[in-house]
């Protein structure tokens, strides 16, 4: 199992202080990929720049795709740029991969033939692994989940981490999630104003 897979399971399995949006989750999954690649020696961080390394290619397909997607020419890509580029629809890619592996199931709706129902976690070794990692208070998974508003204790703080690379990635994920939320709020306000214009005084 990989950190992105564990994070997706936790996001589906654990209550959060706010609904986890797919865009926020995608950004956090892209950050989780970086941390696994960093841990595997496939990259290092020079400040906030991602410097590719020469470690062994990951066995996981999506993580291998992430490693192959690293920018290998100077100037290297920043963590922030990676999150926005790699994170595009990444939550959907992980959901589909885990559904294919049987870790996620969907009940088909009787009233809407051909339309699958919401994704549900199956009782698999992958889920048990993620649950054990979460319950143990493993810091990397904890701080990534914390960026999405998921806490082991509702009023608690994410576990402290001291690794500079982890701190850089998680801080950038948190900033990107805040930025994306601001964009959503701005669009919502703009849409509400547009609707009010068309409704008019008598609407």
N, C-alpha and C. Protein backbone atom coordinates (compact mmCIF):
# COMPACT_ATOMS: atom_id res chain seq x y z
N UNK A 1 0.84 -1.20 0.00
CA UNK A 1 0.00 0.00 0.00
C UNK A 1 0.87 1.25 0.00
N UNK A 2 0.32 2.31 -0.53
CA UNK A 2 1.06 3.57 -0.60
C UNK A 2 0.36 4.61 0.27
N UNK A 3 1.06 5.70 0.55
CA UNK A 3 0.46 6.77 1.34
C UNK A 3 -0.76 7.37 0.66
N UNK A 4 -0.75 7.61 -0.67
CA UNK A 4 -1.97 8.11 -1.31
C UNK A 4 -3.16 7.17 -1.11
N UNK A 5 -2.94 5.87 -1.24
CA UNK A 5 -4.03 4.92 -1.05
C UNK A 5 -4.54 4.96 0.39
N UNK A 6 -3.61 4.99 1.34
CA UNK A 6 -4.00 5.07 2.75
C UNK A 6 -4.77 6.35 3.03
N UNK A 7 -4.32 7.46 2.43
CA UNK A 7 -4.99 8.74 2.65
C UNK A 7 -6.41 8.72 2.09
N UNK A 8 -6.59 8.13 0.91
CA UNK A 8 -7.92 8.04 0.32
C UNK A 8 -8.85 7.22 1.21
N UNK A 9 -8.35 6.12 1.73
CA UNK A 9 -9.16 5.28 2.62
C UNK A 9 -9.55 6.04 3.87
N UNK A 10 -8.59 6.74 4.46
CA UNK A 10 -8.87 7.52 5.67
C UNK A 10 -9.90 8.61 5.37
N UNK A 11 -9.77 9.26 4.21
CA UNK A 11 -10.71 10.32 3.84
C UNK A 11 -12.12 9.78 3.69
N UNK A 12 -12.25 8.52 3.27
CA UNK A 12 -13.57 7.91 3.12
C UNK A 12 -14.09 7.31 4.42
N UNK A 13 -13.18 6.98 5.32
CA UNK A 13 -13.53 6.18 6.49
C UNK A 13 -13.66 6.99 7.78
N UNK A 14 -13.05 8.16 7.82
CA UNK A 14 -12.99 8.93 9.07
C UNK A 14 -13.73 10.25 8.90
N UNK A 15 -14.54 10.61 9.89
CA UNK A 15 -15.26 11.88 9.84
C UNK A 15 -14.28 13.04 9.88
N UNK A 16 -14.59 14.10 9.14
CA UNK A 16 -13.74 15.29 9.13
C UNK A 16 -14.54 16.49 9.62
N UNK A 17 -13.83 17.57 9.93
CA UNK A 17 -14.48 18.78 10.43
C UNK A 17 -15.25 19.49 9.34
N UNK A 18 -14.99 19.11 8.09
CA UNK A 18 -15.72 19.69 6.95
C UNK A 18 -15.75 18.65 5.84
N UNK A 19 -16.69 18.75 4.92
CA UNK A 19 -16.71 17.78 3.82
C UNK A 19 -15.40 17.83 3.03
N UNK A 20 -14.87 16.67 2.68
CA UNK A 20 -13.63 16.61 1.91
C UNK A 20 -13.99 16.73 0.43
N UNK A 21 -13.64 17.85 -0.18
CA UNK A 21 -13.90 18.08 -1.59
C UNK A 21 -12.92 17.26 -2.44
N UNK A 22 -13.38 16.84 -3.61
CA UNK A 22 -12.52 16.02 -4.47
C UNK A 22 -11.27 16.78 -4.90
N UNK A 23 -11.40 18.10 -5.13
CA UNK A 23 -10.24 18.89 -5.51
C UNK A 23 -9.20 18.97 -4.40
N UNK A 24 -9.67 19.15 -3.17
CA UNK A 24 -8.77 19.18 -2.01
C UNK A 24 -8.06 17.84 -1.87
N UNK A 25 -8.84 16.77 -2.00
CA UNK A 25 -8.27 15.43 -1.88
C UNK A 25 -7.23 15.18 -2.96
N UNK A 26 -7.50 15.64 -4.18
CA UNK A 26 -6.54 15.45 -5.27
C UNK A 26 -5.21 16.14 -4.97
N UNK A 27 -5.27 17.35 -4.42
CA UNK A 27 -4.05 18.06 -4.05
C UNK A 27 -3.28 17.29 -2.97
N UNK A 28 -4.00 16.79 -1.97
CA UNK A 28 -3.35 16.05 -0.90
C UNK A 28 -2.77 14.73 -1.40
N UNK A 29 -3.45 14.09 -2.34
CA UNK A 29 -2.92 12.84 -2.92
C UNK A 29 -1.63 13.10 -3.69
N UNK A 30 -1.58 14.22 -4.41
CA UNK A 30 -0.35 14.58 -5.13
C UNK A 30 0.78 14.83 -4.13
N UNK A 31 0.46 15.45 -3.00
CA UNK A 31 1.46 15.64 -1.96
C UNK A 31 1.90 14.32 -1.36
N UNK A 32 0.96 13.40 -1.16
CA UNK A 32 1.28 12.08 -0.62
C UNK A 32 2.22 11.32 -1.57
N UNK A 33 1.99 11.46 -2.87
CA UNK A 33 2.89 10.83 -3.84
C UNK A 33 4.31 11.36 -3.68
N UNK A 34 4.43 12.67 -3.54
CA UNK A 34 5.77 13.26 -3.36
C UNK A 34 6.46 12.67 -2.14
N UNK A 35 5.71 12.53 -1.05
CA UNK A 35 6.32 12.03 0.19
C UNK A 35 6.76 10.57 0.05
N UNK A 36 5.99 9.77 -0.68
CA UNK A 36 6.42 8.38 -0.90
C UNK A 36 7.65 8.33 -1.81
N UNK A 37 7.67 9.18 -2.83
CA UNK A 37 8.83 9.22 -3.72
C UNK A 37 10.06 9.75 -2.99
N UNK A 38 9.85 10.70 -2.11
CA UNK A 38 10.94 11.24 -1.30
C UNK A 38 11.49 10.15 -0.38
N UNK A 39 10.59 9.41 0.24
CA UNK A 39 11.00 8.34 1.15
C UNK A 39 11.72 7.22 0.39
N UNK A 40 11.33 7.00 -0.88
CA UNK A 40 11.96 5.96 -1.68
C UNK A 40 13.23 6.38 -2.39
N UNK A 41 13.66 7.63 -2.17
CA UNK A 41 14.89 8.11 -2.79
C UNK A 41 14.75 8.50 -4.24
N UNK A 42 13.53 8.63 -4.73
CA UNK A 42 13.34 9.00 -6.13
C UNK A 42 13.37 10.50 -6.34
N UNK A 43 13.42 11.26 -5.26
CA UNK A 43 13.56 12.70 -5.38
C UNK A 43 14.11 13.25 -4.08
N UNK A 44 14.65 14.45 -4.16
CA UNK A 44 15.01 15.23 -2.98
C UNK A 44 14.41 16.61 -3.16
N UNK A 45 14.38 17.38 -2.10
CA UNK A 45 13.88 18.74 -2.17
C UNK A 45 15.01 19.73 -1.94
N UNK A 46 15.12 20.68 -2.84
CA UNK A 46 16.06 21.78 -2.69
C UNK A 46 15.21 23.02 -2.39
N UNK A 47 14.99 23.27 -1.11
CA UNK A 47 14.01 24.29 -0.75
C UNK A 47 12.65 23.76 -1.10
N UNK A 48 11.95 24.45 -2.02
CA UNK A 48 10.65 23.95 -2.46
C UNK A 48 10.72 23.37 -3.88
N UNK A 49 11.93 23.15 -4.39
CA UNK A 49 12.10 22.58 -5.73
C UNK A 49 12.26 21.07 -5.65
N UNK A 50 11.62 20.36 -6.58
CA UNK A 50 11.67 18.89 -6.62
C UNK A 50 12.82 18.46 -7.52
N UNK A 51 13.85 17.84 -6.93
CA UNK A 51 15.01 17.39 -7.69
C UNK A 51 14.92 15.88 -7.86
N UNK A 52 14.71 15.38 -9.10
CA UNK A 52 14.56 13.94 -9.31
C UNK A 52 15.81 13.17 -8.90
N UNK A 53 15.60 11.97 -8.37
CA UNK A 53 16.70 11.10 -8.00
C UNK A 53 16.72 9.88 -8.91
N UNK A 54 17.48 8.87 -8.50
CA UNK A 54 17.64 7.68 -9.34
C UNK A 54 17.27 6.42 -8.58
N UNK A 55 16.27 6.52 -7.72
CA UNK A 55 15.85 5.34 -6.97
C UNK A 55 15.12 4.33 -7.85
N UNK A 56 14.80 3.18 -7.27
CA UNK A 56 14.11 2.12 -8.00
C UNK A 56 12.66 2.53 -8.24
N UNK A 57 12.16 2.26 -9.43
CA UNK A 57 10.79 2.61 -9.78
C UNK A 57 9.81 1.91 -8.86
N UNK A 58 8.78 2.60 -8.39
CA UNK A 58 7.80 1.99 -7.50
C UNK A 58 7.02 0.88 -8.18
N UNK A 59 6.57 -0.09 -7.39
CA UNK A 59 5.76 -1.17 -7.94
C UNK A 59 4.33 -0.75 -8.19
N UNK A 60 3.85 0.24 -7.46
CA UNK A 60 2.48 0.71 -7.65
C UNK A 60 2.38 1.52 -8.95
N UNK A 61 1.33 1.25 -9.74
CA UNK A 61 1.20 1.88 -11.05
C UNK A 61 1.10 3.40 -10.97
N UNK A 62 0.22 3.92 -10.12
CA UNK A 62 0.03 5.36 -10.06
C UNK A 62 1.26 6.06 -9.49
N UNK A 63 1.92 5.41 -8.54
CA UNK A 63 3.14 6.01 -7.99
C UNK A 63 4.26 5.98 -9.03
N UNK A 64 4.30 4.93 -9.84
CA UNK A 64 5.28 4.88 -10.92
C UNK A 64 5.00 5.97 -11.94
N UNK A 65 3.71 6.22 -12.23
CA UNK A 65 3.35 7.32 -13.13
C UNK A 65 3.80 8.65 -12.56
N UNK A 66 3.65 8.82 -11.26
CA UNK A 66 4.09 10.06 -10.62
C UNK A 66 5.60 10.25 -10.76
N UNK A 67 6.34 9.16 -10.55
CA UNK A 67 7.79 9.24 -10.68
C UNK A 67 8.19 9.60 -12.10
N UNK A 68 7.50 9.01 -13.08
CA UNK A 68 7.81 9.29 -14.49
C UNK A 68 7.43 10.71 -14.88
N UNK A 69 6.52 11.32 -14.12
CA UNK A 69 6.04 12.67 -14.45
C UNK A 69 6.91 13.78 -13.87
N UNK A 70 7.91 13.42 -13.07
CA UNK A 70 8.77 14.45 -12.48
C UNK A 70 9.51 15.22 -13.56
N UNK A 71 9.62 16.53 -13.40
CA UNK A 71 10.38 17.37 -14.32
C UNK A 71 11.87 17.15 -14.07
N UNK A 72 12.60 16.75 -15.10
CA UNK A 72 14.00 16.36 -14.91
C UNK A 72 14.99 17.37 -15.47
N UNK A 73 14.50 18.48 -15.94
CA UNK A 73 15.40 19.52 -16.45
C UNK A 73 15.32 20.75 -15.54
N UNK A 74 16.43 21.43 -15.43
CA UNK A 74 16.43 22.70 -14.70
C UNK A 74 15.72 23.77 -15.53
N UNK A 75 15.02 24.71 -14.93
CA UNK A 75 14.78 24.79 -13.48
C UNK A 75 13.73 23.76 -13.08
N UNK A 76 13.97 23.09 -11.97
CA UNK A 76 13.05 22.04 -11.55
C UNK A 76 11.72 22.64 -11.11
N UNK A 77 10.73 21.77 -11.03
CA UNK A 77 9.38 22.19 -10.67
C UNK A 77 9.27 22.41 -9.16
N UNK A 78 8.48 23.39 -8.77
CA UNK A 78 8.24 23.61 -7.35
C UNK A 78 7.18 22.63 -6.85
N UNK A 79 7.15 22.43 -5.54
CA UNK A 79 6.13 21.57 -4.94
C UNK A 79 4.74 22.10 -5.27
N UNK A 80 4.55 23.41 -5.19
CA UNK A 80 3.24 23.99 -5.48
C UNK A 80 2.80 23.70 -6.91
N UNK A 81 3.71 23.90 -7.88
CA UNK A 81 3.37 23.64 -9.28
C UNK A 81 3.04 22.16 -9.50
N UNK A 82 3.79 21.29 -8.82
CA UNK A 82 3.51 19.86 -8.93
C UNK A 82 2.10 19.54 -8.43
N UNK A 83 1.72 20.09 -7.30
CA UNK A 83 0.40 19.78 -6.74
C UNK A 83 -0.71 20.14 -7.71
N UNK A 84 -0.61 21.33 -8.32
CA UNK A 84 -1.67 21.76 -9.24
C UNK A 84 -1.64 20.97 -10.55
N UNK A 85 -0.43 20.59 -11.00
CA UNK A 85 -0.34 19.86 -12.28
C UNK A 85 -0.72 18.39 -12.08
N UNK A 86 -0.07 17.73 -11.17
CA UNK A 86 -0.30 16.30 -10.94
C UNK A 86 -1.66 16.05 -10.28
N UNK A 87 -2.12 17.01 -9.48
CA UNK A 87 -3.34 16.80 -8.72
C UNK A 87 -4.61 16.90 -9.52
N UNK A 88 -4.53 17.28 -10.78
CA UNK A 88 -5.75 17.44 -11.58
C UNK A 88 -6.48 16.10 -11.71
N UNK A 89 -7.67 16.01 -11.08
CA UNK A 89 -8.53 14.81 -11.12
C UNK A 89 -7.83 13.56 -10.56
N UNK A 90 -6.85 13.75 -9.69
CA UNK A 90 -6.10 12.60 -9.18
C UNK A 90 -6.95 11.74 -8.26
N UNK A 91 -7.89 12.33 -7.53
CA UNK A 91 -8.74 11.52 -6.65
C UNK A 91 -9.56 10.53 -7.46
N UNK A 92 -10.02 10.93 -8.64
CA UNK A 92 -10.77 10.03 -9.51
C UNK A 92 -9.89 8.87 -9.97
N UNK A 93 -8.64 9.17 -10.31
CA UNK A 93 -7.71 8.12 -10.77
C UNK A 93 -7.48 7.09 -9.66
N UNK A 94 -7.32 7.56 -8.42
CA UNK A 94 -7.10 6.63 -7.31
C UNK A 94 -8.36 5.84 -6.99
N UNK A 95 -9.51 6.49 -7.05
CA UNK A 95 -10.77 5.77 -6.82
C UNK A 95 -10.94 4.65 -7.84
N UNK A 96 -10.68 4.95 -9.10
CA UNK A 96 -10.85 3.95 -10.15
C UNK A 96 -9.85 2.80 -9.98
N UNK A 97 -8.61 3.14 -9.61
CA UNK A 97 -7.59 2.10 -9.44
C UNK A 97 -7.94 1.18 -8.27
N UNK A 98 -8.44 1.78 -7.18
CA UNK A 98 -8.77 0.97 -6.01
C UNK A 98 -10.07 0.20 -6.22
N UNK A 99 -10.95 0.73 -7.05
CA UNK A 99 -12.16 -0.01 -7.39
C UNK A 99 -11.80 -1.22 -8.24
N UNK A 100 -10.87 -1.05 -9.18
CA UNK A 100 -10.42 -2.17 -10.01
C UNK A 100 -9.77 -3.26 -9.18
N UNK A 101 -9.09 -2.84 -8.09
CA UNK A 101 -8.41 -3.80 -7.22
C UNK A 101 -9.36 -4.44 -6.22
N UNK A 102 -10.61 -3.98 -6.18
CA UNK A 102 -11.58 -4.56 -5.25
C UNK A 102 -11.58 -3.93 -3.88
N UNK A 103 -10.79 -2.87 -3.68
CA UNK A 103 -10.74 -2.21 -2.37
C UNK A 103 -11.93 -1.27 -2.17
N UNK A 104 -12.56 -0.88 -3.28
CA UNK A 104 -13.72 0.01 -3.25
C UNK A 104 -14.82 -0.63 -4.08
N UNK A 105 -16.03 -0.60 -3.57
CA UNK A 105 -17.16 -1.18 -4.30
C UNK A 105 -18.23 -0.11 -4.51
N UNK A 106 -19.11 -0.38 -5.46
CA UNK A 106 -20.27 0.51 -5.70
C UNK A 106 -21.50 -0.36 -5.89
N UNK A 107 -22.55 -0.03 -5.17
CA UNK A 107 -23.83 -0.72 -5.36
C UNK A 107 -24.60 -0.02 -6.47
N UNK A 108 -25.02 -0.76 -7.47
CA UNK A 108 -25.77 -0.16 -8.57
C UNK A 108 -27.17 0.19 -8.11
N UNK A 109 -27.63 1.34 -8.53
CA UNK A 109 -28.96 1.82 -8.13
C UNK A 109 -30.04 1.10 -8.93
N UNK A 110 -31.07 0.65 -8.23
CA UNK A 110 -32.17 -0.04 -8.90
C UNK A 110 -32.97 0.91 -9.78
N UNK A 111 -33.16 2.14 -9.30
CA UNK A 111 -34.01 3.07 -10.03
C UNK A 111 -33.26 3.77 -11.16
N UNK A 112 -31.93 3.66 -11.15
CA UNK A 112 -31.14 4.31 -12.19
C UNK A 112 -30.19 3.28 -12.79
N UNK A 113 -30.69 2.40 -13.62
CA UNK A 113 -29.84 1.35 -14.21
C UNK A 113 -28.62 1.94 -14.91
N UNK A 114 -27.48 1.31 -14.67
CA UNK A 114 -26.25 1.78 -15.31
C UNK A 114 -25.56 2.91 -14.57
N UNK A 115 -26.23 3.43 -13.54
CA UNK A 115 -25.63 4.52 -12.76
C UNK A 115 -25.13 3.97 -11.43
N UNK A 116 -23.82 3.86 -11.24
CA UNK A 116 -23.31 3.28 -9.99
C UNK A 116 -23.60 4.19 -8.80
N UNK A 117 -23.76 3.58 -7.66
CA UNK A 117 -23.99 4.33 -6.44
C UNK A 117 -22.69 4.88 -5.89
N UNK A 118 -22.74 5.45 -4.69
CA UNK A 118 -21.54 6.03 -4.10
C UNK A 118 -20.48 4.97 -3.79
N UNK A 119 -19.23 5.40 -3.81
CA UNK A 119 -18.13 4.48 -3.52
C UNK A 119 -18.16 4.10 -2.04
N UNK A 120 -17.91 2.82 -1.78
CA UNK A 120 -17.86 2.31 -0.42
C UNK A 120 -16.62 1.46 -0.26
N UNK A 121 -16.02 1.52 0.92
CA UNK A 121 -14.82 0.74 1.19
C UNK A 121 -15.18 -0.70 1.47
N UNK A 122 -14.45 -1.61 0.86
CA UNK A 122 -14.61 -3.03 1.15
C UNK A 122 -13.70 -3.40 2.31
N UNK A 123 -14.02 -4.50 2.97
CA UNK A 123 -13.19 -4.98 4.08
C UNK A 123 -12.04 -5.78 3.49
N UNK A 124 -10.95 -5.09 3.20
CA UNK A 124 -9.80 -5.71 2.53
C UNK A 124 -8.53 -5.45 3.34
N UNK A 125 -7.45 -6.16 3.02
CA UNK A 125 -6.17 -5.88 3.68
C UNK A 125 -5.75 -4.42 3.52
N UNK A 126 -6.08 -3.79 2.39
CA UNK A 126 -5.71 -2.39 2.17
C UNK A 126 -6.39 -1.50 3.20
N UNK A 127 -7.68 -1.74 3.43
CA UNK A 127 -8.40 -0.93 4.41
C UNK A 127 -7.85 -1.18 5.81
N UNK A 128 -7.57 -2.42 6.13
CA UNK A 128 -7.04 -2.73 7.47
C UNK A 128 -5.66 -2.10 7.67
N UNK A 129 -4.85 -2.10 6.61
CA UNK A 129 -3.53 -1.47 6.69
C UNK A 129 -3.66 0.02 6.96
N UNK A 130 -4.54 0.69 6.21
CA UNK A 130 -4.72 2.13 6.39
C UNK A 130 -5.27 2.44 7.78
N UNK A 131 -6.22 1.61 8.23
CA UNK A 131 -6.81 1.83 9.55
C UNK A 131 -5.77 1.67 10.65
N UNK A 132 -4.91 0.67 10.50
CA UNK A 132 -3.86 0.46 11.50
C UNK A 132 -2.86 1.61 11.49
N UNK A 133 -2.52 2.06 10.32
CA UNK A 133 -1.58 3.19 10.21
C UNK A 133 -2.17 4.45 10.82
N UNK A 134 -3.46 4.67 10.58
CA UNK A 134 -4.14 5.84 11.13
C UNK A 134 -4.25 5.74 12.65
N UNK A 135 -4.66 4.56 13.13
CA UNK A 135 -4.86 4.37 14.57
C UNK A 135 -3.56 4.49 15.36
N UNK A 136 -2.46 4.14 14.71
CA UNK A 136 -1.16 4.19 15.39
C UNK A 136 -0.63 5.61 15.51
N UNK A 137 -1.29 6.57 14.84
CA UNK A 137 -0.83 7.96 14.91
C UNK A 137 0.38 8.23 14.05
N UNK A 138 0.55 7.46 12.97
CA UNK A 138 1.70 7.66 12.08
C UNK A 138 1.72 9.10 11.58
N UNK A 139 2.82 9.83 11.80
CA UNK A 139 2.81 11.28 11.56
C UNK A 139 2.55 11.72 10.14
N UNK A 140 3.16 11.08 9.14
CA UNK A 140 3.01 11.53 7.75
C UNK A 140 1.54 11.47 7.32
N UNK A 141 0.90 10.33 7.57
CA UNK A 141 -0.52 10.20 7.23
C UNK A 141 -1.36 11.18 8.04
N UNK A 142 -0.97 11.37 9.31
CA UNK A 142 -1.72 12.27 10.17
C UNK A 142 -1.71 13.72 9.72
N UNK A 143 -0.54 14.21 9.30
CA UNK A 143 -0.47 15.62 8.90
C UNK A 143 -1.12 15.84 7.54
N UNK A 144 -1.03 14.86 6.66
CA UNK A 144 -1.71 14.99 5.37
C UNK A 144 -3.23 15.03 5.57
N UNK A 145 -3.74 14.12 6.40
CA UNK A 145 -5.17 14.11 6.69
C UNK A 145 -5.58 15.41 7.37
N UNK A 146 -4.71 15.92 8.24
CA UNK A 146 -5.00 17.18 8.93
C UNK A 146 -5.19 18.33 7.97
N UNK A 147 -4.47 18.32 6.86
CA UNK A 147 -4.62 19.38 5.85
C UNK A 147 -6.01 19.35 5.22
N UNK A 148 -6.68 18.20 5.32
CA UNK A 148 -8.04 18.06 4.78
C UNK A 148 -9.11 18.23 5.86
N UNK A 149 -8.68 18.58 7.07
CA UNK A 149 -9.64 18.74 8.15
C UNK A 149 -9.98 17.45 8.87
N UNK A 150 -9.19 16.40 8.63
CA UNK A 150 -9.43 15.11 9.27
C UNK A 150 -8.47 14.98 10.44
N UNK A 151 -8.99 14.76 11.63
CA UNK A 151 -8.17 14.64 12.83
C UNK A 151 -8.47 13.33 13.53
N UNK A 152 -7.46 12.74 14.15
CA UNK A 152 -7.68 11.54 14.96
C UNK A 152 -8.62 11.87 16.11
N UNK A 153 -8.49 13.06 16.67
CA UNK A 153 -9.42 13.59 17.66
C UNK A 153 -10.03 14.84 17.07
N UNK A 154 -11.36 15.00 17.13
CA UNK A 154 -12.02 16.13 16.46
C UNK A 154 -11.42 17.49 16.79
N UNK A 155 -11.02 17.69 18.03
CA UNK A 155 -10.47 18.99 18.43
C UNK A 155 -8.95 18.96 18.54
N UNK A 156 -8.35 17.86 18.10
CA UNK A 156 -6.91 17.72 18.26
C UNK A 156 -6.12 18.33 17.13
N UNK A 157 -4.83 18.44 17.34
CA UNK A 157 -3.91 18.95 16.33
C UNK A 157 -3.25 17.78 15.61
N UNK A 158 -2.87 17.96 14.34
CA UNK A 158 -2.14 16.89 13.66
C UNK A 158 -0.83 16.60 14.38
N UNK A 159 -0.32 15.39 14.26
CA UNK A 159 0.95 15.06 14.92
C UNK A 159 2.08 15.93 14.40
N UNK A 160 3.04 16.20 15.26
CA UNK A 160 4.18 17.03 14.86
C UNK A 160 5.15 16.21 14.02
N UNK A 161 5.73 16.84 13.02
CA UNK A 161 6.77 16.21 12.21
C UNK A 161 7.99 17.12 12.22
N UNK A 162 9.15 16.50 12.14
CA UNK A 162 10.40 17.27 12.17
C UNK A 162 11.16 17.20 10.86
N UNK A 163 10.81 16.24 10.00
CA UNK A 163 11.50 16.12 8.73
C UNK A 163 11.20 17.33 7.85
N UNK A 164 12.25 18.01 7.41
CA UNK A 164 12.07 19.27 6.67
C UNK A 164 11.31 19.07 5.37
N UNK A 165 11.57 17.96 4.67
CA UNK A 165 10.87 17.69 3.42
C UNK A 165 9.38 17.48 3.63
N UNK A 166 9.03 16.72 4.66
CA UNK A 166 7.62 16.48 4.97
C UNK A 166 6.93 17.79 5.32
N UNK A 167 7.60 18.60 6.13
CA UNK A 167 7.03 19.89 6.53
C UNK A 167 6.76 20.76 5.31
N UNK A 168 7.72 20.80 4.38
CA UNK A 168 7.57 21.62 3.17
C UNK A 168 6.38 21.16 2.34
N UNK A 169 6.29 19.85 2.11
CA UNK A 169 5.21 19.33 1.27
C UNK A 169 3.85 19.56 1.92
N UNK A 170 3.73 19.24 3.20
CA UNK A 170 2.43 19.36 3.87
C UNK A 170 2.00 20.82 3.98
N UNK A 171 2.94 21.71 4.25
CA UNK A 171 2.60 23.14 4.32
C UNK A 171 2.11 23.63 2.97
N UNK A 172 2.72 23.15 1.89
CA UNK A 172 2.30 23.56 0.55
C UNK A 172 0.92 22.99 0.22
N UNK A 173 0.67 21.74 0.63
CA UNK A 173 -0.66 21.15 0.44
C UNK A 173 -1.70 21.99 1.18
N UNK A 174 -1.42 22.35 2.42
CA UNK A 174 -2.37 23.15 3.21
C UNK A 174 -2.66 24.48 2.54
N UNK A 175 -1.62 25.15 2.05
CA UNK A 175 -1.81 26.43 1.37
C UNK A 175 -2.64 26.27 0.10
N UNK A 176 -2.39 25.19 -0.65
CA UNK A 176 -3.12 24.96 -1.90
C UNK A 176 -4.59 24.68 -1.63
N UNK A 177 -4.88 23.93 -0.56
CA UNK A 177 -6.27 23.63 -0.19
C UNK A 177 -7.00 24.92 0.18
N UNK A 178 -6.34 25.78 0.94
CA UNK A 178 -6.93 27.07 1.31
C UNK A 178 -7.19 27.91 0.07
N UNK A 179 -6.23 27.92 -0.86
CA UNK A 179 -6.39 28.69 -2.09
C UNK A 179 -7.55 28.17 -2.93
N UNK A 180 -7.67 26.84 -3.02
CA UNK A 180 -8.75 26.26 -3.80
C UNK A 180 -10.11 26.57 -3.17
N UNK A 181 -10.17 26.54 -1.85
CA UNK A 181 -11.41 26.87 -1.15
C UNK A 181 -11.81 28.32 -1.41
N UNK A 182 -10.82 29.22 -1.43
CA UNK A 182 -11.10 30.63 -1.71
C UNK A 182 -11.65 30.81 -3.12
N UNK A 183 -11.10 30.04 -4.07
CA UNK A 183 -11.60 30.10 -5.45
C UNK A 183 -13.05 29.63 -5.50
N UNK A 184 -13.36 28.53 -4.79
CA UNK A 184 -14.74 28.03 -4.78
C UNK A 184 -15.70 29.06 -4.18
N UNK A 185 -15.28 29.69 -3.09
CA UNK A 185 -16.14 30.69 -2.45
C UNK A 185 -16.37 31.88 -3.37
N UNK A 186 -15.31 32.31 -4.04
CA UNK A 186 -15.45 33.45 -4.95
C UNK A 186 -16.40 33.11 -6.09
N UNK A 187 -16.28 31.93 -6.64
CA UNK A 187 -17.17 31.53 -7.73
C UNK A 187 -18.61 31.42 -7.24
N UNK A 188 -18.80 30.95 -6.02
CA UNK A 188 -20.14 30.84 -5.46
C UNK A 188 -20.78 32.21 -5.30
N UNK A 189 -19.99 33.18 -4.82
CA UNK A 189 -20.49 34.55 -4.66
C UNK A 189 -20.83 35.15 -6.01
N UNK A 190 -19.95 34.93 -6.99
CA UNK A 190 -20.18 35.47 -8.33
C UNK A 190 -21.44 34.85 -8.95
N UNK A 191 -21.63 33.56 -8.75
CA UNK A 191 -22.81 32.90 -9.30
C UNK A 191 -24.08 33.41 -8.63
N UNK A 192 -24.02 33.62 -7.30
CA UNK A 192 -25.18 34.14 -6.59
C UNK A 192 -25.53 35.53 -7.09
N UNK A 193 -24.52 36.36 -7.32
CA UNK A 193 -24.77 37.71 -7.83
C UNK A 193 -25.38 37.65 -9.23
N UNK A 194 -24.88 36.75 -10.06
CA UNK A 194 -25.41 36.59 -11.42
C UNK A 194 -26.87 36.16 -11.37
N UNK A 195 -27.17 35.19 -10.48
CA UNK A 195 -28.56 34.72 -10.36
C UNK A 195 -29.49 35.84 -9.91
N UNK A 196 -29.00 36.70 -9.00
CA UNK A 196 -29.82 37.81 -8.52
C UNK A 196 -30.12 38.80 -9.63
N UNK A 197 -29.16 39.03 -10.50
CA UNK A 197 -29.36 39.95 -11.62
C UNK A 197 -30.48 39.44 -12.52
N UNK A 198 -30.46 38.11 -12.82
CA UNK A 198 -31.47 37.57 -13.74
C UNK A 198 -32.84 37.45 -13.10
N UNK A 199 -32.87 37.23 -11.79
CA UNK A 199 -34.17 37.16 -11.13
C UNK A 199 -34.83 38.54 -11.10
N UNK A 200 -34.02 39.57 -10.88
CA UNK A 200 -34.55 40.92 -10.87
C UNK A 200 -35.38 41.20 -9.63
N UNK A 201 -35.89 42.42 -9.49
CA UNK A 201 -36.62 42.82 -8.29
C UNK A 201 -37.86 41.98 -8.04
N UNK A 202 -38.49 41.51 -9.09
CA UNK A 202 -39.72 40.75 -8.90
C UNK A 202 -39.51 39.26 -8.85
N UNK A 203 -38.20 38.82 -8.91
CA UNK A 203 -37.94 37.38 -8.96
C UNK A 203 -38.20 36.79 -7.63
